[in-house]
Protein backbone atom coordinates (compact mmCIF):
# COMPACT_ATOMS: atom_id res chain seq x y z
CA MET A 1 81.19 72.87 -61.23
CA LEU A 2 84.19 71.83 -63.35
CA GLU A 3 87.56 73.50 -63.82
CA CYS A 4 90.37 72.16 -66.00
CA LYS A 5 93.67 74.04 -66.01
CA ASN A 6 96.46 73.37 -68.53
CA LEU A 7 95.20 69.82 -68.94
CA GLY A 8 97.28 67.53 -71.11
CA ILE A 9 98.16 63.92 -71.81
CA GLN A 10 100.99 62.49 -73.86
CA PHE A 11 101.24 58.98 -75.32
CA GLY A 12 104.90 58.51 -76.18
CA GLY A 13 105.73 61.42 -78.45
CA LEU A 14 102.08 62.22 -79.23
CA LYS A 15 100.32 65.00 -77.33
CA ALA A 16 96.70 63.86 -77.54
CA VAL A 17 95.51 66.81 -75.44
CA ASP A 18 97.67 69.84 -74.74
CA ASN A 19 97.12 72.85 -72.46
CA PHE A 20 93.34 72.45 -72.39
CA ASN A 21 91.36 74.83 -70.17
CA LEU A 22 87.68 74.54 -69.33
CA ASN A 23 85.30 76.21 -66.86
CA ILE A 24 81.72 75.01 -66.58
CA GLU A 25 79.25 76.65 -64.23
CA LYS A 26 76.69 74.67 -62.26
CA GLY A 27 73.53 73.89 -64.25
CA MET A 28 75.09 74.68 -67.61
CA LEU A 29 74.60 72.75 -70.84
CA TYR A 30 78.07 72.83 -72.39
CA GLY A 31 79.26 71.38 -75.69
CA LEU A 32 82.70 70.06 -76.63
CA ILE A 33 83.05 69.81 -80.40
CA GLY A 34 85.74 69.28 -83.00
CA PRO A 35 86.69 67.12 -85.98
CA ASN A 36 87.20 63.37 -85.62
CA GLY A 37 90.43 62.64 -83.76
CA ALA A 38 90.56 66.08 -82.15
CA GLY A 39 90.86 64.64 -78.63
CA LYS A 40 87.29 65.03 -77.35
CA THR A 41 86.81 61.50 -76.01
CA THR A 42 90.34 61.64 -74.57
CA VAL A 43 89.18 64.64 -72.50
CA PHE A 44 86.23 62.58 -71.24
CA ASN A 45 88.63 59.76 -70.35
CA LEU A 46 90.75 62.25 -68.38
CA LEU A 47 87.72 63.65 -66.56
CA THR A 48 86.56 60.17 -65.54
CA GLY A 49 89.90 58.71 -64.48
CA VAL A 50 90.31 56.28 -67.39
CA TYR A 51 93.48 58.19 -68.27
CA LYS A 52 95.75 60.05 -65.84
CA PRO A 53 96.75 63.53 -67.02
CA THR A 54 100.40 64.15 -67.85
CA THR A 55 99.96 67.82 -67.01
CA GLY A 56 97.38 70.12 -65.46
CA THR A 57 94.60 69.81 -62.91
CA ILE A 58 90.92 68.85 -62.85
CA ARG A 59 88.62 70.11 -60.10
CA LEU A 60 85.01 69.12 -59.53
CA GLU A 61 83.22 71.63 -57.31
CA GLY A 62 86.64 72.74 -56.07
CA ASN A 63 87.87 69.22 -55.26
CA LEU A 64 90.95 67.93 -57.06
CA ILE A 65 90.19 64.67 -58.86
CA ASN A 66 93.59 64.01 -60.48
CA GLY A 67 94.74 60.49 -59.70
CA LYS A 68 91.32 59.26 -58.58
CA THR A 69 89.96 55.98 -59.95
CA PRO A 70 86.87 55.94 -62.20
CA THR A 71 84.84 54.52 -59.30
CA GLN A 72 86.01 57.26 -56.93
CA ILE A 73 85.26 59.93 -59.52
CA ASN A 74 81.80 58.50 -60.12
CA ASN A 75 81.15 58.55 -56.38
CA MET A 76 82.26 62.19 -56.33
CA GLY A 77 79.60 63.04 -58.90
CA ILE A 78 80.70 62.46 -62.52
CA ALA A 79 78.87 59.94 -64.73
CA ARG A 80 79.24 59.33 -68.44
CA THR A 81 77.95 57.57 -71.51
CA PHE A 82 80.18 56.15 -74.24
CA GLN A 83 80.65 56.76 -77.94
CA ASN A 84 80.21 53.00 -78.45
CA ILE A 85 77.19 51.82 -76.46
CA ARG A 86 78.14 49.71 -73.43
CA LEU A 87 74.88 48.34 -72.11
CA PHE A 88 74.49 44.94 -70.45
CA SER A 89 72.79 43.55 -73.54
CA ASN A 90 71.59 40.31 -71.92
CA MET A 91 69.96 42.13 -69.00
CA SER A 92 66.56 43.79 -69.05
CA VAL A 93 66.09 47.52 -69.49
CA LEU A 94 65.07 47.79 -65.83
CA ASP A 95 68.05 45.78 -64.58
CA ASN A 96 70.48 47.95 -66.56
CA VAL A 97 69.30 50.98 -64.59
CA LYS A 98 69.14 49.05 -61.30
CA ALA A 99 72.80 48.08 -61.78
CA ALA A 100 73.67 51.76 -61.37
CA LEU A 101 71.72 52.09 -58.12
CA HIS A 102 74.12 50.01 -56.01
CA GLU A 103 75.32 53.08 -54.08
CA LYS A 104 71.76 54.25 -53.36
CA VAL A 105 70.17 51.01 -52.22
CA ARG A 106 72.31 48.56 -50.27
CA TYR A 107 71.80 45.30 -48.43
CA SER A 108 74.12 42.78 -46.87
CA LEU A 109 75.71 39.76 -48.53
CA LEU A 110 73.53 37.51 -46.35
CA THR A 111 70.39 39.30 -47.51
CA SER A 112 71.42 38.97 -51.16
CA MET A 113 72.07 35.24 -50.74
CA THR A 114 68.98 34.35 -48.72
CA HIS A 115 66.50 36.89 -50.15
CA ILE A 116 65.24 37.61 -46.63
CA PHE A 117 65.92 40.34 -44.03
CA GLY A 118 64.36 43.11 -46.13
CA PHE A 119 65.44 41.89 -49.56
CA GLY A 120 61.98 42.33 -51.08
CA LYS A 121 61.64 45.86 -49.71
CA LYS A 122 65.03 46.90 -51.10
CA GLU A 123 64.29 45.37 -54.50
CA LYS A 124 60.95 47.18 -54.64
CA GLU A 125 62.68 50.45 -53.78
CA MET A 126 65.18 49.95 -56.62
CA ASP A 127 62.41 48.99 -59.05
CA GLU A 128 60.57 52.22 -58.24
CA LEU A 129 63.67 54.40 -58.54
CA ALA A 130 64.67 52.80 -61.85
CA THR A 131 61.14 53.05 -63.26
CA ASP A 132 60.93 56.75 -62.40
CA ILE A 133 64.11 57.36 -64.41
CA LEU A 134 62.91 55.24 -67.33
CA LYS A 135 59.70 57.29 -67.49
CA VAL A 136 61.75 60.38 -68.34
CA PHE A 137 63.00 58.55 -71.44
CA SER A 138 59.64 56.91 -72.27
CA LEU A 139 61.22 53.49 -71.70
CA ASP A 140 59.18 52.38 -68.68
CA ASP A 141 56.87 50.31 -70.89
CA LYS A 142 59.92 48.31 -72.07
CA SER A 143 61.36 47.60 -68.63
CA ASP A 144 61.27 43.80 -69.17
CA THR A 145 62.81 43.94 -72.66
CA LEU A 146 66.40 42.80 -73.07
CA SER A 147 68.42 45.94 -73.67
CA GLY A 148 70.15 44.33 -76.65
CA ASN A 149 66.78 44.03 -78.37
CA LEU A 150 66.01 47.75 -78.21
CA PRO A 151 66.28 49.89 -81.35
CA TYR A 152 69.56 51.77 -81.54
CA GLY A 153 68.09 55.14 -80.56
CA GLU A 154 66.47 53.67 -77.46
CA GLN A 155 69.72 51.97 -76.47
CA ARG A 156 71.31 55.43 -76.54
CA LYS A 157 68.60 56.76 -74.25
CA LEU A 158 68.92 53.79 -71.90
CA GLU A 159 72.64 54.42 -71.51
CA ILE A 160 71.88 58.01 -70.47
CA ALA A 161 69.24 56.72 -68.03
CA ARG A 162 71.75 54.32 -66.47
CA ALA A 163 74.34 57.08 -66.05
CA LEU A 164 71.68 59.32 -64.49
CA ALA A 165 70.86 56.62 -61.94
CA THR A 166 74.20 57.23 -60.21
CA SER A 167 72.91 60.72 -59.22
CA PRO A 168 75.71 62.71 -60.87
CA SER A 169 76.26 66.42 -60.42
CA LEU A 170 78.07 66.41 -63.80
CA LEU A 171 76.84 64.21 -66.65
CA LEU A 172 79.14 63.58 -69.64
CA LEU A 173 77.36 62.54 -72.85
CA ASP A 174 79.59 61.19 -75.62
CA GLU A 175 77.77 61.64 -78.97
CA PRO A 176 74.28 60.98 -77.56
CA ALA A 177 72.58 61.58 -80.93
CA ALA A 178 74.86 59.28 -82.94
CA GLY A 179 72.81 57.04 -85.23
CA MET A 180 69.52 58.79 -84.48
CA ASN A 181 67.12 60.06 -87.13
CA PRO A 182 66.01 63.74 -87.08
CA ASN A 183 62.83 63.01 -85.12
CA GLU A 184 64.76 61.04 -82.49
CA THR A 185 67.34 63.82 -82.25
CA GLU A 186 64.59 66.40 -81.70
CA GLU A 187 63.12 64.26 -78.94
CA LEU A 188 66.57 63.78 -77.40
CA MET A 189 67.11 67.54 -77.26
CA LYS A 190 63.93 67.94 -75.23
CA THR A 191 64.93 65.05 -72.96
CA ILE A 192 68.41 66.47 -72.26
CA ARG A 193 66.88 69.81 -71.24
CA GLN A 194 64.35 67.97 -69.10
CA ILE A 195 66.90 65.91 -67.19
CA ARG A 196 69.07 69.01 -66.63
CA ASP A 197 66.12 70.75 -65.00
CA MET A 198 64.55 67.77 -63.21
CA TYR A 199 67.75 66.39 -61.73
CA ASN A 200 69.65 69.68 -61.28
CA VAL A 201 72.58 68.21 -63.20
CA THR A 202 75.27 70.00 -65.21
CA ILE A 203 75.81 68.49 -68.67
CA LEU A 204 78.90 68.38 -70.88
CA LEU A 205 78.37 66.72 -74.23
CA ILE A 206 80.39 65.74 -77.28
CA GLU A 207 78.35 65.87 -80.45
CA HIS A 208 78.73 66.12 -84.23
CA ASP A 209 75.10 67.05 -84.85
CA MET A 210 75.42 70.82 -85.07
CA LYS A 211 71.65 71.31 -84.98
CA LEU A 212 71.55 69.65 -81.56
CA VAL A 213 74.63 71.56 -80.38
CA ALA A 214 73.26 74.93 -81.49
CA GLY A 215 69.81 74.07 -80.14
CA ILE A 216 70.66 73.18 -76.54
CA CYS A 217 74.20 74.23 -75.62
CA GLU A 218 74.78 77.54 -73.86
CA LYS A 219 78.51 77.54 -74.51
CA LEU A 220 80.94 75.57 -76.67
CA SER A 221 84.63 74.73 -76.73
CA VAL A 222 86.25 73.50 -79.94
CA LEU A 223 89.17 71.06 -79.92
CA ASN A 224 91.47 70.58 -82.89
CA PHE A 225 94.57 68.34 -82.75
CA GLY A 226 94.27 68.24 -78.96
CA THR A 227 94.29 71.99 -78.39
CA GLU A 228 91.49 74.49 -77.90
CA LEU A 229 90.69 76.32 -81.11
CA ALA A 230 87.82 78.50 -79.88
CA SER A 231 85.23 78.89 -77.14
CA GLY A 232 82.11 80.99 -76.66
CA THR A 233 78.41 80.94 -77.43
CA PRO A 234 77.23 78.58 -80.19
CA SER A 235 76.69 81.53 -82.52
CA GLU A 236 80.20 82.88 -81.93
CA VAL A 237 81.87 79.50 -82.29
CA LEU A 238 79.97 78.09 -85.24
CA ASN A 239 80.54 81.27 -87.25
CA ASN A 240 84.26 81.42 -86.41
CA PRO A 241 86.27 81.11 -89.68
CA GLU A 242 88.96 79.00 -87.96
CA VAL A 243 86.32 76.55 -86.74
CA ILE A 244 84.74 76.34 -90.17
CA THR A 245 88.18 75.67 -91.71
CA ALA A 246 88.94 72.94 -89.12
CA TYR A 247 85.73 71.14 -90.03
CA LEU A 248 85.62 71.71 -93.77
CA GLY A 249 89.24 72.32 -94.74
CA GLU A 250 90.59 75.26 -96.73
């Protein structure tokens, strides 16, 4: 599904990511972990075209995506959430998800201006598609609520729902459990497994909650100062002395 070879980016004299390699098989739940400032979100920005790599290649299902724009990369099948929530806070829960359906359901400029020529049918189709996704996250009963009025944990879930609406083959989740209480995190773990299976999507996530990481990820890579420190199964990685030192210090 995803192959990164010798991936790197340099800002002036700083190598934020250096010689990073990653192989993720289709359908896998993969975790990218590391201390704060290790370069994890920078990797996500490289994968989604926000940053252009200084070195190395990125391939999605064999197709080179280096140099593509974020929109082109999204159309090729990569969607993401953000460490800092970026919902349309003054739009409803339903409309946030519908905003991501623009590639699935289209109508002409004339139709959008006049609300005729099939406008109602297209809007109904989008409503149904968005509601089906919201049901997965138990948010369908809040479809008319302004997204900015949702509790923090539900805003996190809505951002995942919106990313999922673009029909990605690879879904990148940046700290999806941040700010959640233990019960919410447990529910999120079940939801992530569910969307992987229901939507046949491969998932790469950044997370600091090691219970979540150990509970759902099949493989992990650890970044430290922009370079890969270790990779393997959660048990192998989380018991690696170098990884423990990177997180806790000497």
